[in-house]
C-alpha cells in the first residue's frame, strides 16, 4: 500500500497544475473546485 501511494504521487502534480484542490486516500481521490 505504501509503495502504491509513492507510485501515484504524480497524480497530485497533475491536479495541482489544473488549479484544483484535492485529497487522496489510497486509490481514492477527491477533487474540488470552489
ModelCIF file with pLDDT and N, C-alpha, C, O atoms, coordinates in Angstrom:
data_MODEL
#
_entry.id   MODEL 
#
_entity.id                         1 
_entity.type                       polymer 
_entity.pdbx_number_of_molecules   1 
#
_entity_poly.entity_id                      1 
_entity_poly.type                           'polypeptide(L)' 
_entity_poly.nstd_linkage                   no 
_entity_poly.nstd_monomer                   no 
_entity_poly.pdbx_seq_one_letter_code       
;(UNK)(UNK)(UNK)(UNK)(UNK)(UNK)(UNK)(UNK)(UNK)(UNK)(UNK)(UNK)(UNK)(UNK)(UNK)(UNK)
(UNK)(UNK)(UNK)(UNK)(UNK)(UNK)(UNK)(UNK)(UNK)(UNK)(UNK)(UNK)(UNK)(UNK)(UNK)(UNK)
(UNK)(UNK)
;
_entity_poly.pdbx_seq_one_letter_code_can   XXXXXXXXXXXXXXXXXXXXXXXXXXXXXXXXXX 
_entity_poly.pdbx_strand_id                 A 
#
loop_
_entity_poly_seq.entity_id 
_entity_poly_seq.num 
_entity_poly_seq.mon_id 
_entity_poly_seq.hetero 
1 1  UNK n 
1 2  UNK n 
1 3  UNK n 
1 4  UNK n 
1 5  UNK n 
1 6  UNK n 
1 7  UNK n 
1 8  UNK n 
1 9  UNK n 
1 10 UNK n 
1 11 UNK n 
1 12 UNK n 
1 13 UNK n 
1 14 UNK n 
1 15 UNK n 
1 16 UNK n 
1 17 UNK n 
1 18 UNK n 
1 19 UNK n 
1 20 UNK n 
1 21 UNK n 
1 22 UNK n 
1 23 UNK n 
1 24 UNK n 
1 25 UNK n 
1 26 UNK n 
1 27 UNK n 
1 28 UNK n 
1 29 UNK n 
1 30 UNK n 
1 31 UNK n 
1 32 UNK n 
1 33 UNK n 
1 34 UNK n 
#
_struct_asym.id          A 
_struct_asym.entity_id   1 
#
loop_
_ma_qa_metric.id 
_ma_qa_metric.mode 
_ma_qa_metric.name 
_ma_qa_metric.software_group_id 
_ma_qa_metric.type 
1 global pLDDT . pLDDT 
2 local  pLDDT . pLDDT 
#
_ma_qa_metric_global.metric_id      1 
_ma_qa_metric_global.metric_value   85.32 
_ma_qa_metric_global.model_id       1 
_ma_qa_metric_global.ordinal_id     1 
#
loop_
_ma_qa_metric_local.label_asym_id 
_ma_qa_metric_local.label_comp_id 
_ma_qa_metric_local.label_seq_id 
_ma_qa_metric_local.metric_id 
_ma_qa_metric_local.metric_value 
_ma_qa_metric_local.model_id 
_ma_qa_metric_local.ordinal_id 
A UNK 1  2 90.00 1 1  
A UNK 2  2 92.00 1 2  
A UNK 3  2 94.00 1 3  
A UNK 4  2 91.00 1 4  
A UNK 5  2 90.00 1 5  
A UNK 6  2 92.00 1 6  
A UNK 7  2 92.00 1 7  
A UNK 8  2 89.00 1 8  
A UNK 9  2 87.00 1 9  
A UNK 10 2 88.00 1 10 
A UNK 11 2 86.00 1 11 
A UNK 12 2 85.00 1 12 
A UNK 13 2 84.00 1 13 
A UNK 14 2 86.00 1 14 
A UNK 15 2 86.00 1 15 
A UNK 16 2 82.00 1 16 
A UNK 17 2 84.00 1 17 
A UNK 18 2 82.00 1 18 
A UNK 19 2 80.00 1 19 
A UNK 20 2 82.00 1 20 
A UNK 21 2 84.00 1 21 
A UNK 22 2 85.00 1 22 
A UNK 23 2 85.00 1 23 
A UNK 24 2 87.00 1 24 
A UNK 25 2 86.00 1 25 
A UNK 26 2 83.00 1 26 
A UNK 27 2 84.00 1 27 
A UNK 28 2 85.00 1 28 
A UNK 29 2 87.00 1 29 
A UNK 30 2 86.00 1 30 
A UNK 31 2 85.00 1 31 
A UNK 32 2 81.00 1 32 
A UNK 33 2 76.00 1 33 
A UNK 34 2 65.00 1 34 
#
loop_
_atom_site.group_PDB 
_atom_site.id 
_atom_site.type_symbol 
_atom_site.label_atom_id 
_atom_site.label_alt_id 
_atom_site.label_comp_id 
_atom_site.label_asym_id 
_atom_site.label_entity_id 
_atom_site.label_seq_id 
_atom_site.pdbx_PDB_ins_code 
_atom_site.Cartn_x 
_atom_site.Cartn_y 
_atom_site.Cartn_z 
_atom_site.occupancy 
_atom_site.B_iso_or_equiv 
_atom_site.pdbx_formal_charge 
_atom_site.auth_seq_id 
_atom_site.auth_comp_id 
_atom_site.auth_asym_id 
_atom_site.auth_atom_id 
_atom_site.pdbx_PDB_model_num 
ATOM 1   N N  . UNK A 1 1  ? 0.806   -1.230 0.000   1.00 90.00 ? 1  UNK A N  1 
ATOM 2   C CA . UNK A 1 1  ? 0.000   0.000  0.000   1.00 90.00 ? 1  UNK A CA 1 
ATOM 3   C C  . UNK A 1 1  ? 0.835   1.274  0.000   1.00 90.00 ? 1  UNK A C  1 
ATOM 4   O O  . UNK A 1 1  ? 0.491   2.237  -0.685  1.00 90.00 ? 1  UNK A O  1 
ATOM 5   N N  . UNK A 1 2  ? 1.929   1.292  0.760   1.00 92.00 ? 2  UNK A N  1 
ATOM 6   C CA . UNK A 1 2  ? 2.780   2.481  0.816   1.00 92.00 ? 2  UNK A CA 1 
ATOM 7   C C  . UNK A 1 2  ? 3.484   2.694  -0.520  1.00 92.00 ? 2  UNK A C  1 
ATOM 8   O O  . UNK A 1 2  ? 3.620   3.829  -0.977  1.00 92.00 ? 2  UNK A O  1 
ATOM 9   N N  . UNK A 1 3  ? 3.927   1.618  -1.139  1.00 94.00 ? 3  UNK A N  1 
ATOM 10  C CA . UNK A 1 3  ? 4.572   1.741  -2.447  1.00 94.00 ? 3  UNK A CA 1 
ATOM 11  C C  . UNK A 1 3  ? 3.592   2.295  -3.478  1.00 94.00 ? 3  UNK A C  1 
ATOM 12  O O  . UNK A 1 3  ? 3.984   3.063  -4.356  1.00 94.00 ? 3  UNK A O  1 
ATOM 13  N N  . UNK A 1 4  ? 2.323   1.909  -3.375  1.00 91.00 ? 4  UNK A N  1 
ATOM 14  C CA . UNK A 1 4  ? 1.339   2.440  -4.321  1.00 91.00 ? 4  UNK A CA 1 
ATOM 15  C C  . UNK A 1 4  ? 1.155   3.942  -4.136  1.00 91.00 ? 4  UNK A C  1 
ATOM 16  O O  . UNK A 1 4  ? 1.040   4.667  -5.124  1.00 91.00 ? 4  UNK A O  1 
ATOM 17  N N  . UNK A 1 5  ? 1.125   4.426  -2.901  1.00 90.00 ? 5  UNK A N  1 
ATOM 18  C CA . UNK A 1 5  ? 0.948   5.866  -2.684  1.00 90.00 ? 5  UNK A CA 1 
ATOM 19  C C  . UNK A 1 5  ? 2.132   6.649  -3.245  1.00 90.00 ? 5  UNK A C  1 
ATOM 20  O O  . UNK A 1 5  ? 1.956   7.755  -3.756  1.00 90.00 ? 5  UNK A O  1 
ATOM 21  N N  . UNK A 1 6  ? 3.338   6.083  -3.154  1.00 92.00 ? 6  UNK A N  1 
ATOM 22  C CA . UNK A 1 6  ? 4.509   6.745  -3.729  1.00 92.00 ? 6  UNK A CA 1 
ATOM 23  C C  . UNK A 1 6  ? 4.447   6.710  -5.255  1.00 92.00 ? 6  UNK A C  1 
ATOM 24  O O  . UNK A 1 6  ? 4.822   7.673  -5.925  1.00 92.00 ? 6  UNK A O  1 
ATOM 25  N N  . UNK A 1 7  ? 3.976   5.607  -5.787  1.00 92.00 ? 7  UNK A N  1 
ATOM 26  C CA . UNK A 1 7  ? 3.859   5.442  -7.233  1.00 92.00 ? 7  UNK A CA 1 
ATOM 27  C C  . UNK A 1 7  ? 2.866   6.439  -7.834  1.00 92.00 ? 7  UNK A C  1 
ATOM 28  O O  . UNK A 1 7  ? 3.080   6.947  -8.935  1.00 92.00 ? 7  UNK A O  1 
ATOM 29  N N  . UNK A 1 8  ? 1.787   6.713  -7.109  1.00 89.00 ? 8  UNK A N  1 
ATOM 30  C CA . UNK A 1 8  ? 0.719   7.563  -7.641  1.00 89.00 ? 8  UNK A CA 1 
ATOM 31  C C  . UNK A 1 8  ? 0.915   9.044  -7.324  1.00 89.00 ? 8  UNK A C  1 
ATOM 32  O O  . UNK A 1 8  ? 0.031   9.851  -7.614  1.00 89.00 ? 8  UNK A O  1 
ATOM 33  N N  . UNK A 1 9  ? 2.043   9.416  -6.740  1.00 87.00 ? 9  UNK A N  1 
ATOM 34  C CA . UNK A 1 9  ? 2.292   10.809 -6.357  1.00 87.00 ? 9  UNK A CA 1 
ATOM 35  C C  . UNK A 1 9  ? 2.161   11.796 -7.516  1.00 87.00 ? 9  UNK A C  1 
ATOM 36  O O  . UNK A 1 9  ? 1.629   12.885 -7.298  1.00 87.00 ? 9  UNK A O  1 
ATOM 37  N N  . UNK A 1 10 ? 2.618   11.480 -8.754  1.00 88.00 ? 10 UNK A N  1 
ATOM 38  C CA . UNK A 1 10 ? 2.493   12.444 -9.846  1.00 88.00 ? 10 UNK A CA 1 
ATOM 39  C C  . UNK A 1 10 ? 1.057   12.876 -10.138 1.00 88.00 ? 10 UNK A C  1 
ATOM 40  O O  . UNK A 1 10 ? 0.835   13.936 -10.724 1.00 88.00 ? 10 UNK A O  1 
ATOM 41  N N  . UNK A 1 11 ? 0.086   12.062 -9.733  1.00 86.00 ? 11 UNK A N  1 
ATOM 42  C CA . UNK A 1 11 ? -1.315  12.455 -9.922  1.00 86.00 ? 11 UNK A CA 1 
ATOM 43  C C  . UNK A 1 11 ? -1.603  13.779 -9.220  1.00 86.00 ? 11 UNK A C  1 
ATOM 44  O O  . UNK A 1 11 ? -2.357  14.606 -9.733  1.00 86.00 ? 11 UNK A O  1 
ATOM 45  N N  . UNK A 1 12 ? -1.004  13.979 -8.048  1.00 85.00 ? 12 UNK A N  1 
ATOM 46  C CA . UNK A 1 12 ? -1.188  15.238 -7.312  1.00 85.00 ? 12 UNK A CA 1 
ATOM 47  C C  . UNK A 1 12 ? -0.617  16.416 -8.082  1.00 85.00 ? 12 UNK A C  1 
ATOM 48  O O  . UNK A 1 12 ? -1.190  17.505 -8.077  1.00 85.00 ? 12 UNK A O  1 
ATOM 49  N N  . UNK A 1 13 ? 0.519   16.197 -8.748  1.00 84.00 ? 13 UNK A N  1 
ATOM 50  C CA . UNK A 1 13 ? 1.125   17.274 -9.540  1.00 84.00 ? 13 UNK A CA 1 
ATOM 51  C C  . UNK A 1 13 ? 0.221   17.678 -10.707 1.00 84.00 ? 13 UNK A C  1 
ATOM 52  O O  . UNK A 1 13 ? 0.076   18.861 -11.012 1.00 84.00 ? 13 UNK A O  1 
ATOM 53  N N  . UNK A 1 14 ? -0.382  16.680 -11.353 1.00 86.00 ? 14 UNK A N  1 
ATOM 54  C CA . UNK A 1 14 ? -1.275  16.959 -12.475 1.00 86.00 ? 14 UNK A CA 1 
ATOM 55  C C  . UNK A 1 14 ? -2.492  17.748 -12.006 1.00 86.00 ? 14 UNK A C  1 
ATOM 56  O O  . UNK A 1 14 ? -2.907  18.711 -12.652 1.00 86.00 ? 14 UNK A O  1 
ATOM 57  N N  . UNK A 1 15 ? -3.053  17.333 -10.882 1.00 86.00 ? 15 UNK A N  1 
ATOM 58  C CA . UNK A 1 15 ? -4.236  18.015 -10.346 1.00 86.00 ? 15 UNK A CA 1 
ATOM 59  C C  . UNK A 1 15 ? -3.900  19.447 -9.967  1.00 86.00 ? 15 UNK A C  1 
ATOM 60  O O  . UNK A 1 15 ? -4.662  20.366 -10.269 1.00 86.00 ? 15 UNK A O  1 
ATOM 61  N N  . UNK A 1 16 ? -2.768  19.642 -9.308  1.00 82.00 ? 16 UNK A N  1 
ATOM 62  C CA . UNK A 1 16 ? -2.360  20.987 -8.882  1.00 82.00 ? 16 UNK A CA 1 
ATOM 63  C C  . UNK A 1 16 ? -2.127  21.899 -10.083 1.00 82.00 ? 16 UNK A C  1 
ATOM 64  O O  . UNK A 1 16 ? -2.410  23.096 -10.020 1.00 82.00 ? 16 UNK A O  1 
ATOM 65  N N  . UNK A 1 17 ? -1.615  21.339 -11.171 1.00 84.00 ? 17 UNK A N  1 
ATOM 66  C CA . UNK A 1 17 ? -1.387  22.142 -12.372 1.00 84.00 ? 17 UNK A CA 1 
ATOM 67  C C  . UNK A 1 17 ? -2.683  22.685 -12.960 1.00 84.00 ? 17 UNK A C  1 
ATOM 68  O O  . UNK A 1 17 ? -2.671  23.666 -13.704 1.00 84.00 ? 17 UNK A O  1 
ATOM 69  N N  . UNK A 1 18 ? -3.807  22.041 -12.625 1.00 82.00 ? 18 UNK A N  1 
ATOM 70  C CA . UNK A 1 18 ? -5.106  22.486 -13.132 1.00 82.00 ? 18 UNK A CA 1 
ATOM 71  C C  . UNK A 1 18 ? -5.884  23.271 -12.072 1.00 82.00 ? 18 UNK A C  1 
ATOM 72  O O  . UNK A 1 18 ? -7.097  23.453 -12.175 1.00 82.00 ? 18 UNK A O  1 
ATOM 73  N N  . UNK A 1 19 ? -5.154  23.727 -11.054 1.00 80.00 ? 19 UNK A N  1 
ATOM 74  C CA . UNK A 1 19 ? -5.738  24.630 -10.049 1.00 80.00 ? 19 UNK A CA 1 
ATOM 75  C C  . UNK A 1 19 ? -6.962  24.040 -9.366  1.00 80.00 ? 19 UNK A C  1 
ATOM 76  O O  . UNK A 1 19 ? -7.979  24.715 -9.205  1.00 80.00 ? 19 UNK A O  1 
ATOM 77  N N  . UNK A 1 20 ? -6.861  22.783 -8.965  1.00 82.00 ? 20 UNK A N  1 
ATOM 78  C CA . UNK A 1 20 ? -7.946  22.122 -8.220  1.00 82.00 ? 20 UNK A CA 1 
ATOM 79  C C  . UNK A 1 20 ? -7.434  21.717 -6.836  1.00 82.00 ? 20 UNK A C  1 
ATOM 80  O O  . UNK A 1 20 ? -6.281  21.318 -6.676  1.00 82.00 ? 20 UNK A O  1 
ATOM 81  N N  . UNK A 1 21 ? -8.305  21.828 -5.857  1.00 84.00 ? 21 UNK A N  1 
ATOM 82  C CA . UNK A 1 21 ? -7.988  21.273 -4.546  1.00 84.00 ? 21 UNK A CA 1 
ATOM 83  C C  . UNK A 1 21 ? -8.240  19.768 -4.597  1.00 84.00 ? 21 UNK A C  1 
ATOM 84  O O  . UNK A 1 21 ? -9.099  19.301 -5.344  1.00 84.00 ? 21 UNK A O  1 
ATOM 85  N N  . UNK A 1 22 ? -7.496  19.025 -3.809  1.00 85.00 ? 22 UNK A N  1 
ATOM 86  C CA . UNK A 1 22 ? -7.719  17.582 -3.811  1.00 85.00 ? 22 UNK A CA 1 
ATOM 87  C C  . UNK A 1 22 ? -7.230  16.963 -2.506  1.00 85.00 ? 22 UNK A C  1 
ATOM 88  O O  . UNK A 1 22 ? -6.463  17.564 -1.754  1.00 85.00 ? 22 UNK A O  1 
ATOM 89  N N  . UNK A 1 23 ? -7.692  15.767 -2.270  1.00 85.00 ? 23 UNK A N  1 
ATOM 90  C CA . UNK A 1 23 ? -7.192  14.980 -1.148  1.00 85.00 ? 23 UNK A CA 1 
ATOM 91  C C  . UNK A 1 23 ? -7.263  13.511 -1.554  1.00 85.00 ? 23 UNK A C  1 
ATOM 92  O O  . UNK A 1 23 ? -8.235  13.066 -2.164  1.00 85.00 ? 23 UNK A O  1 
ATOM 93  N N  . UNK A 1 24 ? -6.209  12.764 -1.203  1.00 87.00 ? 24 UNK A N  1 
ATOM 94  C CA . UNK A 1 24 ? -6.111  11.365 -1.615  1.00 87.00 ? 24 UNK A CA 1 
ATOM 95  C C  . UNK A 1 24 ? -6.142  10.447 -0.398  1.00 87.00 ? 24 UNK A C  1 
ATOM 96  O O  . UNK A 1 24 ? -5.607  10.759 0.666   1.00 87.00 ? 24 UNK A O  1 
ATOM 97  N N  . UNK A 1 25 ? -6.785  9.310  -0.597  1.00 86.00 ? 25 UNK A N  1 
ATOM 98  C CA . UNK A 1 25 ? -6.741  8.248  0.410   1.00 86.00 ? 25 UNK A CA 1 
ATOM 99  C C  . UNK A 1 25 ? -6.579  6.933  -0.340  1.00 86.00 ? 25 UNK A C  1 
ATOM 100 O O  . UNK A 1 25 ? -7.524  6.425  -0.944  1.00 86.00 ? 25 UNK A O  1 
ATOM 101 N N  . UNK A 1 26 ? -5.364  6.390  -0.292  1.00 83.00 ? 26 UNK A N  1 
ATOM 102 C CA . UNK A 1 26 ? -5.039  5.174  -1.046  1.00 83.00 ? 26 UNK A CA 1 
ATOM 103 C C  . UNK A 1 26 ? -5.337  5.402  -2.524  1.00 83.00 ? 26 UNK A C  1 
ATOM 104 O O  . UNK A 1 26 ? -4.753  6.297  -3.135  1.00 83.00 ? 26 UNK A O  1 
ATOM 105 N N  . UNK A 1 27 ? -6.247  4.599  -3.117  1.00 84.00 ? 27 UNK A N  1 
ATOM 106 C CA . UNK A 1 27 ? -6.551  4.752  -4.538  1.00 84.00 ? 27 UNK A CA 1 
ATOM 107 C C  . UNK A 1 27 ? -7.797  5.608  -4.778  1.00 84.00 ? 27 UNK A C  1 
ATOM 108 O O  . UNK A 1 27 ? -8.331  5.630  -5.887  1.00 84.00 ? 27 UNK A O  1 
ATOM 109 N N  . UNK A 1 28 ? -8.255  6.306  -3.752  1.00 85.00 ? 28 UNK A N  1 
ATOM 110 C CA . UNK A 1 28 ? -9.401  7.209  -3.879  1.00 85.00 ? 28 UNK A CA 1 
ATOM 111 C C  . UNK A 1 28 ? -8.910  8.664  -3.850  1.00 85.00 ? 28 UNK A C  1 
ATOM 112 O O  . UNK A 1 28 ? -8.097  9.041  -3.005  1.00 85.00 ? 28 UNK A O  1 
ATOM 113 N N  . UNK A 1 29 ? -9.413  9.460  -4.779  1.00 87.00 ? 29 UNK A N  1 
ATOM 114 C CA . UNK A 1 29 ? -9.012  10.855 -4.872  1.00 87.00 ? 29 UNK A CA 1 
ATOM 115 C C  . UNK A 1 29 ? -10.246 11.745 -4.943  1.00 87.00 ? 29 UNK A C  1 
ATOM 116 O O  . UNK A 1 29 ? -11.176 11.474 -5.702  1.00 87.00 ? 29 UNK A O  1 
ATOM 117 N N  . UNK A 1 30 ? -10.244 12.807 -4.149  1.00 86.00 ? 30 UNK A N  1 
ATOM 118 C CA . UNK A 1 30 ? -11.344 13.786 -4.146  1.00 86.00 ? 30 UNK A CA 1 
ATOM 119 C C  . UNK A 1 30 ? -10.861 15.056 -4.773  1.00 86.00 ? 30 UNK A C  1 
ATOM 120 O O  . UNK A 1 30 ? -9.862  15.625 -4.331  1.00 86.00 ? 30 UNK A O  1 
ATOM 121 N N  . UNK A 1 31 ? -11.551 15.522 -5.805  1.00 85.00 ? 31 UNK A N  1 
ATOM 122 C CA . UNK A 1 31 ? -11.242 16.801 -6.463  1.00 85.00 ? 31 UNK A CA 1 
ATOM 123 C C  . UNK A 1 31 ? -12.334 17.789 -6.129  1.00 85.00 ? 31 UNK A C  1 
ATOM 124 O O  . UNK A 1 31 ? -13.514 17.439 -6.143  1.00 85.00 ? 31 UNK A O  1 
ATOM 125 N N  . UNK A 1 32 ? -11.955 19.024 -5.827  1.00 81.00 ? 32 UNK A N  1 
ATOM 126 C CA . UNK A 1 32 ? -12.961 20.043 -5.527  1.00 81.00 ? 32 UNK A CA 1 
ATOM 127 C C  . UNK A 1 32 ? -12.519 21.378 -6.116  1.00 81.00 ? 32 UNK A C  1 
ATOM 128 O O  . UNK A 1 32 ? -11.330 21.691 -6.185  1.00 81.00 ? 32 UNK A O  1 
ATOM 129 N N  . UNK A 1 33 ? -13.502 22.139 -6.530  1.00 76.00 ? 33 UNK A N  1 
ATOM 130 C CA . UNK A 1 33 ? -13.262 23.449 -7.114  1.00 76.00 ? 33 UNK A CA 1 
ATOM 131 C C  . UNK A 1 33 ? -14.337 24.386 -6.618  1.00 76.00 ? 33 UNK A C  1 
ATOM 132 O O  . UNK A 1 33 ? -15.527 24.144 -6.818  1.00 76.00 ? 33 UNK A O  1 
ATOM 133 N N  . UNK A 1 34 ? -13.905 25.479 -5.955  1.00 65.00 ? 34 UNK A N  1 
ATOM 134 C CA . UNK A 1 34 ? -14.868 26.429 -5.421  1.00 65.00 ? 34 UNK A CA 1 
ATOM 135 C C  . UNK A 1 34 ? -14.977 27.679 -6.262  1.00 65.00 ? 34 UNK A C  1 
ATOM 136 O O  . UNK A 1 34 ? -15.753 28.577 -5.936  1.00 65.00 ? 34 UNK A O  1 
#
